[in-house]
Structures are given as C-alpha cells and as structure tokens.
Amino acid sequence: MGNNSSGPKIRALAKNIRMSAHKARRVINQIRGRSYGQALMILELMPYGACYPISQLIHSAAANANHNMGLNKANLLVGRVEVNEGTVFKRVQPRAQGRGYPIQKPTCHITIVLEEISRSNDPIMSIESRERG
C-alpha cells in the first residue's frame, strides 16, 4: 500500500461531536482536497452549524503541523477526511398522562488529515509554469 504523496501527514481527531454524521458530511465534502486557506474561507461562508467544530478541528491540525513539525500553514492541504457515526445519546421527553417519548441525539467522530504540498506537486504552480514557457 503506497502513499500518493511523500510529504508528512498531520492528523486531528474530534470525538463525540453533538451532530449527525450526515450533516457533518455535507460540510466535509465541500472542503476535501482544498488548501488550508481555502477550506477556512469556505467554512466561514457556509451557513451550517457543522462548520464551527470542523473549522476548529482544521485549526487544531494546522497548529499541530506548525508546532510539532515546523510546517508553514500556507503549504497545507486537506487530504483525507472522515466522518463516522458515534454513540447515540438516548433521552426521554416527558409527555401528557405520564407517558415518555424517546429522543435520540446522534454524535459523530471527525478525522482530518492534512498533508504538506510542495511547489513541484502543486497543480496550480505547474499550470502557471506551462503558461510562461
């Protein structure tokens, strides 16, 4: 099993986030494969509640890359992103005449892997170099 890129990978994981995995995937699919700056800009402009914890997680992964490996945040790319279903909190909503209706509150686990992009592997830079020469 070989990796597509040779750069270091930085991982951040958030467990038991109080939202459904379906709602988190809707946001995650928009930022997969984007650069760090683009991903943050997209998350700031999207009107979903899932954007805030995902942007916090991307900030955390970038801070890990900067502190632990000394990488520049501008050279980071959102690589593999996973959203898995977590445990379901089960609660009871009291109703009339002593009855209780079940309430299920889903959670999810979000994993973000950032990768370092080099200038030679950057598709935008290769297009610009082709246009010049």
C-alpha atoms as a PDB file:
ATOM      1  CA  MET A   1       0.000   0.000   0.000  1.00  0.00           C
ATOM      2  CA  GLY A   2       1.808   3.082  -1.210  1.00  0.00           C
ATOM      3  CA  ASN A   3       1.011   6.687  -0.483  1.00  0.00           C
ATOM      4  CA  ASN A   4       0.247   9.101  -3.294  1.00  0.00           C
ATOM      5  CA  SER A   5       2.233  11.925  -1.726  1.00  0.00           C
ATOM      6  CA  SER A   6       5.549  11.747   0.067  1.00  0.00           C
ATOM      7  CA  GLY A   7       5.028  14.659   2.465  1.00  0.00           C
ATOM      8  CA  PRO A   8       4.305  14.297   6.170  1.00  0.00           C
ATOM      9  CA  LYS A   9       0.711  13.846   7.270  1.00  0.00           C
ATOM     10  CA  ILE A  10      -0.809  15.608  10.230  1.00  0.00           C
ATOM     11  CA  ARG A  11      -3.915  14.229  11.910  1.00  0.00           C
ATOM     12  CA  ALA A  12      -6.522  15.746  14.204  1.00  0.00           C
ATOM     13  CA  LEU A  13      -9.454  13.841  15.665  1.00  0.00           C
ATOM     14  CA  ALA A  14     -12.636  15.044  17.354  1.00  0.00           C
ATOM     15  CA  LYS A  15     -14.855  12.505  19.055  1.00  0.00           C
ATOM     16  CA  ASN A  16     -18.459  12.667  20.204  1.00  0.00           C
ATOM     17  CA  ILE A  17     -19.365  15.867  18.371  1.00  0.00           C
ATOM     18  CA  ARG A  18     -23.073  16.507  19.002  1.00  0.00           C
ATOM     19  CA  MET A  19     -24.372  16.446  15.438  1.00  0.00           C
ATOM     20  CA  SER A  20     -25.415  13.784  12.999  1.00  0.00           C
ATOM     21  CA  ALA A  21     -22.783  12.334  10.718  1.00  0.00           C
ATOM     22  CA  HIS A  22     -24.950  13.142   7.684  1.00  0.00           C
ATOM     23  CA  LYS A  23     -24.930  16.874   8.463  1.00  0.00           C
ATOM     24  CA  ALA A  24     -21.163  16.861   9.054  1.00  0.00           C
ATOM     25  CA  ARG A  25     -20.512  15.002   5.774  1.00  0.00           C
ATOM     26  CA  ARG A  26     -22.441  17.669   3.869  1.00  0.00           C
ATOM     27  CA  VAL A  27     -19.847  20.225   5.004  1.00  0.00           C
ATOM     28  CA  ILE A  28     -16.797  17.951   4.816  1.00  0.00           C
ATOM     29  CA  ASN A  29     -17.426  17.116   1.162  1.00  0.00           C
ATOM     30  CA  GLN A  30     -17.019  20.799   0.284  1.00  0.00           C
ATOM     31  CA  ILE A  31     -13.517  21.131   1.773  1.00  0.00           C
ATOM     32  CA  ARG A  32     -11.964  17.791   0.818  1.00  0.00           C
ATOM     33  CA  GLY A  33      -8.861  18.342  -1.337  1.00  0.00           C
ATOM     34  CA  ARG A  34      -8.713  22.113  -0.745  1.00  0.00           C
ATOM     35  CA  SER A  35      -5.829  24.086   0.655  1.00  0.00           C
ATOM     36  CA  TYR A  36      -5.856  25.211   4.283  1.00  0.00           C
ATOM     37  CA  GLY A  37      -6.768  28.815   3.465  1.00  0.00           C
ATOM     38  CA  GLN A  38      -9.499  27.872   1.016  1.00  0.00           C
ATOM     39  CA  ALA A  39     -11.029  25.418   3.477  1.00  0.00           C
ATOM     40  CA  LEU A  40     -11.221  28.047   6.222  1.00  0.00           C
ATOM     41  CA  MET A  41     -12.761  30.582   3.859  1.00  0.00           C
ATOM     42  CA  ILE A  42     -15.400  28.081   2.709  1.00  0.00           C
ATOM     43  CA  LEU A  43     -16.232  27.120   6.295  1.00  0.00           C
ATOM     44  CA  GLU A  44     -16.647  30.758   7.317  1.00  0.00           C
ATOM     45  CA  LEU A  45     -19.072  31.465   4.488  1.00  0.00           C
ATOM     46  CA  MET A  46     -21.239  28.335   4.708  1.00  0.00           C
ATOM     47  CA  PRO A  47     -24.439  28.758   6.758  1.00  0.00           C
ATOM     48  CA  TYR A  48     -24.345  25.376   8.541  1.00  0.00           C
ATOM     49  CA  GLY A  49     -23.865  24.725  12.235  1.00  0.00           C
ATOM     50  CA  ALA A  50     -21.414  21.925  11.473  1.00  0.00           C
ATOM     51  CA  CYS A  51     -18.892  24.443  10.118  1.00  0.00           C
ATOM     52  CA  TYR A  52     -17.753  25.707  13.518  1.00  0.00           C
ATOM     53  CA  PRO A  53     -16.468  22.414  15.023  1.00  0.00           C
ATOM     54  CA  ILE A  54     -14.915  21.427  11.689  1.00  0.00           C
ATOM     55  CA  SER A  55     -13.068  24.745  11.416  1.00  0.00           C
ATOM     56  CA  GLN A  56     -11.828  24.310  14.994  1.00  0.00           C
ATOM     57  CA  LEU A  57     -10.530  20.877  14.053  1.00  0.00           C
ATOM     58  CA  ILE A  58      -8.718  22.215  10.977  1.00  0.00           C
ATOM     59  CA  HIS A  59      -7.160  24.975  13.112  1.00  0.00           C
ATOM     60  CA  SER A  60      -6.014  22.306  15.586  1.00  0.00           C
ATOM     61  CA  ALA A  61      -4.472  20.133  12.873  1.00  0.00           C
ATOM     62  CA  ALA A  62      -2.656  23.144  11.391  1.00  0.00           C
ATOM     63  CA  ALA A  63      -1.375  24.146  14.831  1.00  0.00           C
ATOM     64  CA  ASN A  64      -0.108  20.576  15.310  1.00  0.00           C
ATOM     65  CA  ALA A  65       1.705  20.779  11.976  1.00  0.00           C
ATOM     66  CA  ASN A  66       3.257  24.128  12.843  1.00  0.00           C
ATOM     67  CA  HIS A  67       4.291  23.229  16.391  1.00  0.00           C
ATOM     68  CA  ASN A  68       5.328  19.583  16.034  1.00  0.00           C
ATOM     69  CA  MET A  69       6.821  19.539  12.539  1.00  0.00           C
ATOM     70  CA  GLY A  70       7.594  23.212  11.874  1.00  0.00           C
ATOM     71  CA  LEU A  71       5.466  23.335   8.711  1.00  0.00           C
ATOM     72  CA  ASN A  72       4.017  26.507   7.255  1.00  0.00           C
ATOM     73  CA  LYS A  73       0.207  26.671   7.375  1.00  0.00           C
ATOM     74  CA  ALA A  74       0.086  28.082   3.840  1.00  0.00           C
ATOM     75  CA  ASN A  75       1.589  24.846   2.469  1.00  0.00           C
ATOM     76  CA  LEU A  76      -1.046  22.553   3.946  1.00  0.00           C
ATOM     77  CA  LEU A  77      -3.729  20.670   2.036  1.00  0.00           C
ATOM     78  CA  VAL A  78      -6.837  18.972   3.434  1.00  0.00           C
ATOM     79  CA  GLY A  79      -6.183  15.362   2.496  1.00  0.00           C
ATOM     80  CA  ARG A  80      -8.218  12.515   3.906  1.00  0.00           C
ATOM     81  CA  VAL A  81     -11.318  13.481   5.872  1.00  0.00           C
ATOM     82  CA  GLU A  82     -13.616  11.004   7.598  1.00  0.00           C
ATOM     83  CA  VAL A  83     -16.888  11.364   9.436  1.00  0.00           C
ATOM     84  CA  ASN A  84     -18.018   8.294  11.350  1.00  0.00           C
ATOM     85  CA  GLU A  85     -21.121   7.799  13.439  1.00  0.00           C
ATOM     86  CA  GLY A  86     -20.601   7.857  17.184  1.00  0.00           C
ATOM     87  CA  THR A  87     -22.786   6.715  20.032  1.00  0.00           C
ATOM     88  CA  VAL A  88     -26.404   7.837  20.245  1.00  0.00           C
ATOM     89  CA  PHE A  89     -27.469   9.639  23.416  1.00  0.00           C
ATOM     90  CA  LYS A  90     -30.863   8.300  24.407  1.00  0.00           C
ATOM     91  CA  ARG A  91     -33.150  10.621  26.327  1.00  0.00           C
ATOM     92  CA  VAL A  92     -36.837  10.663  27.240  1.00  0.00           C
ATOM     93  CA  GLN A  93     -39.187  13.568  26.515  1.00  0.00           C
ATOM     94  CA  PRO A  94     -41.991  13.728  29.084  1.00  0.00           C
ATOM     95  CA  ARG A  95     -45.475  13.837  27.567  1.00  0.00           C
ATOM     96  CA  ALA A  96     -49.021  14.052  28.829  1.00  0.00           C
ATOM     97  CA  GLN A  97     -50.568  11.495  31.198  1.00  0.00           C
ATOM     98  CA  GLY A  98     -47.242  10.086  32.409  1.00  0.00           C
ATOM     99  CA  ARG A  99     -46.011   8.953  29.031  1.00  0.00           C
ATOM    100  CA  GLY A 100     -42.498   9.431  27.718  1.00  0.00           C
ATOM    101  CA  TYR A 101     -41.328   9.629  24.129  1.00  0.00           C
ATOM    102  CA  PRO A 102     -37.783   8.531  23.238  1.00  0.00           C
ATOM    103  CA  ILE A 103     -35.379  11.151  21.904  1.00  0.00           C
ATOM    104  CA  GLN A 104     -32.207  10.056  20.126  1.00  0.00           C
ATOM    105  CA  LYS A 105     -29.331  12.528  19.968  1.00  0.00           C
ATOM    106  CA  PRO A 106     -26.678  11.351  17.471  1.00  0.00           C
ATOM    107  CA  THR A 107     -22.958  12.050  17.717  1.00  0.00           C
ATOM    108  CA  CYS A 108     -20.123  11.707  15.225  1.00  0.00           C
ATOM    109  CA  HIS A 109     -16.352  11.332  15.113  1.00  0.00           C
ATOM    110  CA  ILE A 110     -14.445  13.554  12.669  1.00  0.00           C
ATOM    111  CA  THR A 111     -10.893  12.814  11.499  1.00  0.00           C
ATOM    112  CA  ILE A 112      -8.935  15.307   9.389  1.00  0.00           C
ATOM    113  CA  VAL A 113      -5.549  14.552   7.837  1.00  0.00           C
ATOM    114  CA  LEU A 114      -3.568  17.497   6.488  1.00  0.00           C
ATOM    115  CA  GLU A 115      -0.761  16.979   4.018  1.00  0.00           C
ATOM    116  CA  GLU A 116       2.106  19.243   3.053  1.00  0.00           C
ATOM    117  CA  ILE A 117       2.117  20.315  -0.571  1.00  0.00           C
ATOM    118  CA  SER A 118       5.377  21.115  -2.274  1.00  0.00           C
ATOM    119  CA  ARG A 119       5.734  23.526  -5.157  1.00  0.00           C
ATOM    120  CA  SER A 120       6.520  20.721  -7.609  1.00  0.00           C
ATOM    121  CA  ASN A 121       3.330  18.801  -6.719  1.00  0.00           C
ATOM    122  CA  ASP A 122       1.082  21.862  -6.730  1.00  0.00           C
ATOM    123  CA  PRO A 123      -1.206  21.701  -9.797  1.00  0.00           C
ATOM    124  CA  ILE A 124      -1.688  25.490  -9.867  1.00  0.00           C
ATOM    125  CA  MET A 125       2.045  26.115  -9.966  1.00  0.00           C
ATOM    126  CA  SER A 126       2.512  23.580 -12.775  1.00  0.00           C
ATOM    127  CA  ILE A 127      -0.210  25.296 -14.849  1.00  0.00           C
ATOM    128  CA  GLU A 128       1.427  28.699 -14.304  1.00  0.00           C
ATOM    129  CA  SER A 129       4.837  27.367 -15.318  1.00  0.00           C
ATOM    130  CA  ARG A 130       3.343  25.859 -18.507  1.00  0.00           C
ATOM    131  CA  GLU A 131       1.752  29.194 -19.402  1.00  0.00           C
ATOM    132  CA  ARG A 132       5.060  31.054 -19.007  1.00  0.00           C
ATOM    133  CA  GLY A 133       7.213  28.689 -21.004  1.00  0.00           C
END
